[in-house]
């Protein structure tokens, strides 16, 4: 039962992140250039603070459960699938830390169209990684519990 609960927490947090990243990619980030240059630094600072509350808990749950699944893998789930999922999350986390966060830090000082474009275009890496991870986790659920 504990392994099933662990996996369900992973599944839920992963699918949440897939939905969130697509919203961010298609709606949220592209609209940044509609805020206005003068108001943007204040907007960006509030955006970053508020977004942390929406993103950090599911990311931490997803990351922690991905690591725990290495040791507490559902019966019949291939080891490669757990490691592949962890690698995809690594891509998402590294992209967040080394690409998106620095862009947000620059934008919190002044709106720069070049930085904004970099944020939108490089976020496709996270969108792809989280989407692949979501598909993998759904496959894992189907393989383990159906």
C-alpha atoms as a PDB file:
ATOM      1  CA  UNK A   1       0.000   0.000   0.000  1.00  0.00           C
ATOM      2  CA  UNK A   2       2.815   2.491   0.781  1.00  0.00           C
ATOM      3  CA  UNK A   3       4.434   1.926  -2.614  1.00  0.00           C
ATOM      4  CA  UNK A   4       1.111   2.560  -4.317  1.00  0.00           C
ATOM      5  CA  UNK A   5       0.633   5.773  -2.318  1.00  0.00           C
ATOM      6  CA  UNK A   6       4.172   6.867  -3.188  1.00  0.00           C
ATOM      7  CA  UNK A   7       3.546   6.216  -6.860  1.00  0.00           C
ATOM      8  CA  UNK A   8       0.182   7.983  -6.823  1.00  0.00           C
ATOM      9  CA  UNK A   9       1.794  11.058  -5.239  1.00  0.00           C
ATOM     10  CA  UNK A  10       4.372  10.948  -8.014  1.00  0.00           C
ATOM     11  CA  UNK A  11       1.720  10.521 -10.695  1.00  0.00           C
ATOM     12  CA  UNK A  12      -0.419  13.373  -9.361  1.00  0.00           C
ATOM     13  CA  UNK A  13       2.431  15.827  -8.938  1.00  0.00           C
ATOM     14  CA  UNK A  14       3.863  14.923 -12.346  1.00  0.00           C
ATOM     15  CA  UNK A  15       0.596  15.414 -14.195  1.00  0.00           C
ATOM     16  CA  UNK A  16       0.028  18.681 -12.318  1.00  0.00           C
ATOM     17  CA  UNK A  17       3.427  19.901 -13.532  1.00  0.00           C
ATOM     18  CA  UNK A  18       2.668  18.870 -17.116  1.00  0.00           C
ATOM     19  CA  UNK A  19      -0.519  20.926 -17.109  1.00  0.00           C
ATOM     20  CA  UNK A  20       1.177  23.853 -15.427  1.00  0.00           C
ATOM     21  CA  UNK A  21       4.159  23.952 -17.788  1.00  0.00           C
ATOM     22  CA  UNK A  22       1.875  23.955 -20.842  1.00  0.00           C
ATOM     23  CA  UNK A  23      -0.144  26.832 -19.378  1.00  0.00           C
ATOM     24  CA  UNK A  24       3.071  28.742 -18.669  1.00  0.00           C
ATOM     25  CA  UNK A  25       4.465  28.035 -22.143  1.00  0.00           C
ATOM     26  CA  UNK A  26       1.385  28.803 -24.209  1.00  0.00           C
ATOM     27  CA  UNK A  27      -0.372  31.505 -22.160  1.00  0.00           C
ATOM     28  CA  UNK A  28       1.605  32.941 -19.279  1.00  0.00           C
ATOM     29  CA  UNK A  29       5.105  33.648 -20.610  1.00  0.00           C
ATOM     30  CA  UNK A  30       3.959  34.962 -24.005  1.00  0.00           C
ATOM     31  CA  UNK A  31       1.755  37.546 -22.265  1.00  0.00           C
ATOM     32  CA  UNK A  32       4.674  39.079 -20.366  1.00  0.00           C
ATOM     33  CA  UNK A  33       5.231  41.572 -23.170  1.00  0.00           C
ATOM     34  CA  UNK A  34       1.691  42.917 -22.679  1.00  0.00           C
ATOM     35  CA  UNK A  35       2.335  44.224 -19.173  1.00  0.00           C
ATOM     36  CA  UNK A  36       4.151  47.430 -20.097  1.00  0.00           C
ATOM     37  CA  UNK A  37       7.808  48.281 -19.604  1.00  0.00           C
ATOM     38  CA  UNK A  38       7.330  50.634 -16.643  1.00  0.00           C
ATOM     39  CA  UNK A  39       5.133  48.239 -14.661  1.00  0.00           C
ATOM     40  CA  UNK A  40       6.957  45.051 -15.599  1.00  0.00           C
ATOM     41  CA  UNK A  41       9.682  44.867 -12.898  1.00  0.00           C
ATOM     42  CA  UNK A  42       7.052  45.118 -10.151  1.00  0.00           C
ATOM     43  CA  UNK A  43       4.843  42.625 -11.972  1.00  0.00           C
ATOM     44  CA  UNK A  44       7.750  40.204 -12.406  1.00  0.00           C
ATOM     45  CA  UNK A  45       8.747  40.395  -8.746  1.00  0.00           C
ATOM     46  CA  UNK A  46       5.182  39.639  -7.623  1.00  0.00           C
ATOM     47  CA  UNK A  47       4.854  36.954 -10.294  1.00  0.00           C
ATOM     48  CA  UNK A  48       7.989  35.192  -9.057  1.00  0.00           C
ATOM     49  CA  UNK A  49       6.941  35.328  -5.407  1.00  0.00           C
ATOM     50  CA  UNK A  50       3.421  34.060  -6.070  1.00  0.00           C
ATOM     51  CA  UNK A  51       4.471  31.429  -8.597  1.00  0.00           C
ATOM     52  CA  UNK A  52       6.785  29.857  -6.023  1.00  0.00           C
ATOM     53  CA  UNK A  53       3.728  28.892  -3.959  1.00  0.00           C
ATOM     54  CA  UNK A  54       2.136  27.171  -6.944  1.00  0.00           C
ATOM     55  CA  UNK A  55       5.257  25.483  -8.330  1.00  0.00           C
ATOM     56  CA  UNK A  56       7.547  24.589  -5.413  1.00  0.00           C
ATOM     57  CA  UNK A  57       5.333  22.090  -3.507  1.00  0.00           C
ATOM     58  CA  UNK A  58       4.470  19.888  -6.519  1.00  0.00           C
ATOM     59  CA  UNK A  59       8.052  20.082  -7.835  1.00  0.00           C
ATOM     60  CA  UNK A  60       9.397  18.982  -4.450  1.00  0.00           C
ATOM     61  CA  UNK A  61       6.843  16.178  -4.165  1.00  0.00           C
ATOM     62  CA  UNK A  62       7.581  15.070  -7.717  1.00  0.00           C
ATOM     63  CA  UNK A  63      11.344  15.160  -7.161  1.00  0.00           C
ATOM     64  CA  UNK A  64      11.243  13.405  -3.784  1.00  0.00           C
ATOM     65  CA  UNK A  65       8.909  10.665  -5.000  1.00  0.00           C
ATOM     66  CA  UNK A  66      11.019  10.160  -8.150  1.00  0.00           C
ATOM     67  CA  UNK A  67      14.064   9.514  -5.974  1.00  0.00           C
ATOM     68  CA  UNK A  68      12.124   7.266  -3.574  1.00  0.00           C
ATOM     69  CA  UNK A  69      10.829   5.201  -6.495  1.00  0.00           C
ATOM     70  CA  UNK A  70      14.400   4.079  -7.118  1.00  0.00           C
ATOM     71  CA  UNK A  71      14.254   2.110  -3.849  1.00  0.00           C
ATOM     72  CA  UNK A  72      10.488   1.533  -3.602  1.00  0.00           C
ATOM     73  CA  UNK A  73       9.557   0.565  -7.139  1.00  0.00           C
ATOM     74  CA  UNK A  74       6.158  -1.013  -7.817  1.00  0.00           C
ATOM     75  CA  UNK A  75       6.430  -4.690  -8.700  1.00  0.00           C
ATOM     76  CA  UNK A  76       6.832  -5.227 -12.419  1.00  0.00           C
ATOM     77  CA  UNK A  77       7.955  -1.673 -13.115  1.00  0.00           C
ATOM     78  CA  UNK A  78      11.217  -1.743 -15.097  1.00  0.00           C
ATOM     79  CA  UNK A  79      14.168  -0.095 -13.404  1.00  0.00           C
ATOM     80  CA  UNK A  80      14.985   1.849 -16.589  1.00  0.00           C
ATOM     81  CA  UNK A  81      11.622   3.631 -16.393  1.00  0.00           C
ATOM     82  CA  UNK A  82      12.346   5.046 -12.941  1.00  0.00           C
ATOM     83  CA  UNK A  83      15.827   6.194 -13.943  1.00  0.00           C
ATOM     84  CA  UNK A  84      14.521   7.673 -17.198  1.00  0.00           C
ATOM     85  CA  UNK A  85      11.889   9.603 -15.280  1.00  0.00           C
ATOM     86  CA  UNK A  86      14.502  10.920 -12.894  1.00  0.00           C
ATOM     87  CA  UNK A  87      16.689  11.993 -15.831  1.00  0.00           C
ATOM     88  CA  UNK A  88      13.781  13.881 -17.426  1.00  0.00           C
ATOM     89  CA  UNK A  89      13.124  15.648 -14.142  1.00  0.00           C
ATOM     90  CA  UNK A  90      16.817  16.482 -13.973  1.00  0.00           C
ATOM     91  CA  UNK A  91      16.502  18.227 -17.345  1.00  0.00           C
ATOM     92  CA  UNK A  92      13.508  20.220 -16.077  1.00  0.00           C
ATOM     93  CA  UNK A  93      15.189  21.189 -12.810  1.00  0.00           C
ATOM     94  CA  UNK A  94      18.521  22.103 -14.414  1.00  0.00           C
ATOM     95  CA  UNK A  95      16.769  24.176 -17.058  1.00  0.00           C
ATOM     96  CA  UNK A  96      14.796  25.939 -14.342  1.00  0.00           C
ATOM     97  CA  UNK A  97      17.881  26.689 -12.252  1.00  0.00           C
ATOM     98  CA  UNK A  98      20.294  27.663 -15.013  1.00  0.00           C
ATOM     99  CA  UNK A  99      18.090  29.159 -17.729  1.00  0.00           C
ATOM    100  CA  UNK A 100      14.638  30.257 -16.553  1.00  0.00           C
ATOM    101  CA  UNK A 101      15.569  31.589 -13.086  1.00  0.00           C
ATOM    102  CA  UNK A 102      18.377  33.796 -14.477  1.00  0.00           C
ATOM    103  CA  UNK A 103      15.954  35.153 -17.108  1.00  0.00           C
ATOM    104  CA  UNK A 104      13.419  35.966 -14.385  1.00  0.00           C
ATOM    105  CA  UNK A 105      16.126  37.668 -12.334  1.00  0.00           C
ATOM    106  CA  UNK A 106      17.043  39.906 -15.285  1.00  0.00           C
ATOM    107  CA  UNK A 107      13.405  40.655 -16.039  1.00  0.00           C
ATOM    108  CA  UNK A 108      12.748  41.630 -12.416  1.00  0.00           C
ATOM    109  CA  UNK A 109      15.055  44.624 -12.977  1.00  0.00           C
ATOM    110  CA  UNK A 110      13.827  45.768 -16.406  1.00  0.00           C
ATOM    111  CA  UNK A 111      11.739  44.301 -19.193  1.00  0.00           C
ATOM    112  CA  UNK A 112      14.064  43.262 -21.997  1.00  0.00           C
ATOM    113  CA  UNK A 113      12.431  41.817 -25.149  1.00  0.00           C
ATOM    114  CA  UNK A 114      15.525  39.725 -25.885  1.00  0.00           C
ATOM    115  CA  UNK A 115      15.489  38.150 -22.408  1.00  0.00           C
ATOM    116  CA  UNK A 116      11.741  37.643 -22.660  1.00  0.00           C
ATOM    117  CA  UNK A 117      12.165  35.854 -25.990  1.00  0.00           C
ATOM    118  CA  UNK A 118      14.940  33.718 -24.494  1.00  0.00           C
ATOM    119  CA  UNK A 119      12.628  32.801 -21.595  1.00  0.00           C
ATOM    120  CA  UNK A 120       9.814  31.752 -23.943  1.00  0.00           C
ATOM    121  CA  UNK A 121      11.995  29.876 -26.422  1.00  0.00           C
ATOM    122  CA  UNK A 122      14.156  28.027 -23.882  1.00  0.00           C
ATOM    123  CA  UNK A 123      11.114  27.058 -21.835  1.00  0.00           C
ATOM    124  CA  UNK A 124      10.266  24.596 -24.617  1.00  0.00           C
ATOM    125  CA  UNK A 125      13.019  22.402 -23.160  1.00  0.00           C
ATOM    126  CA  UNK A 126      11.173  22.193 -19.835  1.00  0.00           C
ATOM    127  CA  UNK A 127       7.847  21.771 -21.598  1.00  0.00           C
ATOM    128  CA  UNK A 128       9.201  18.834 -23.605  1.00  0.00           C
ATOM    129  CA  UNK A 129      10.946  17.208 -20.628  1.00  0.00           C
ATOM    130  CA  UNK A 130       7.907  17.477 -18.351  1.00  0.00           C
ATOM    131  CA  UNK A 131       5.594  16.285 -21.109  1.00  0.00           C
ATOM    132  CA  UNK A 132       7.765  13.238 -21.798  1.00  0.00           C
ATOM    133  CA  UNK A 133       7.958  12.588 -18.070  1.00  0.00           C
ATOM    134  CA  UNK A 134       4.169  12.825 -17.781  1.00  0.00           C
ATOM    135  CA  UNK A 135       3.752  10.326 -20.612  1.00  0.00           C
ATOM    136  CA  UNK A 136       6.287   8.007 -19.018  1.00  0.00           C
ATOM    137  CA  UNK A 137       4.540   8.187 -15.643  1.00  0.00           C
ATOM    138  CA  UNK A 138       1.188   7.403 -17.268  1.00  0.00           C
ATOM    139  CA  UNK A 139       2.786   4.416 -18.984  1.00  0.00           C
ATOM    140  CA  UNK A 140       4.272   3.361 -15.634  1.00  0.00           C
ATOM    141  CA  UNK A 141       0.828   3.571 -14.019  1.00  0.00           C
ATOM    142  CA  UNK A 142      -0.732   1.522 -16.801  1.00  0.00           C
ATOM    143  CA  UNK A 143       2.042  -1.085 -16.622  1.00  0.00           C
ATOM    144  CA  UNK A 144       1.958  -1.400 -12.851  1.00  0.00           C
ATOM    145  CA  UNK A 145      -1.657  -1.114 -11.892  1.00  0.00           C
ATOM    146  CA  UNK A 146      -3.839  -1.975 -14.883  1.00  0.00           C
END
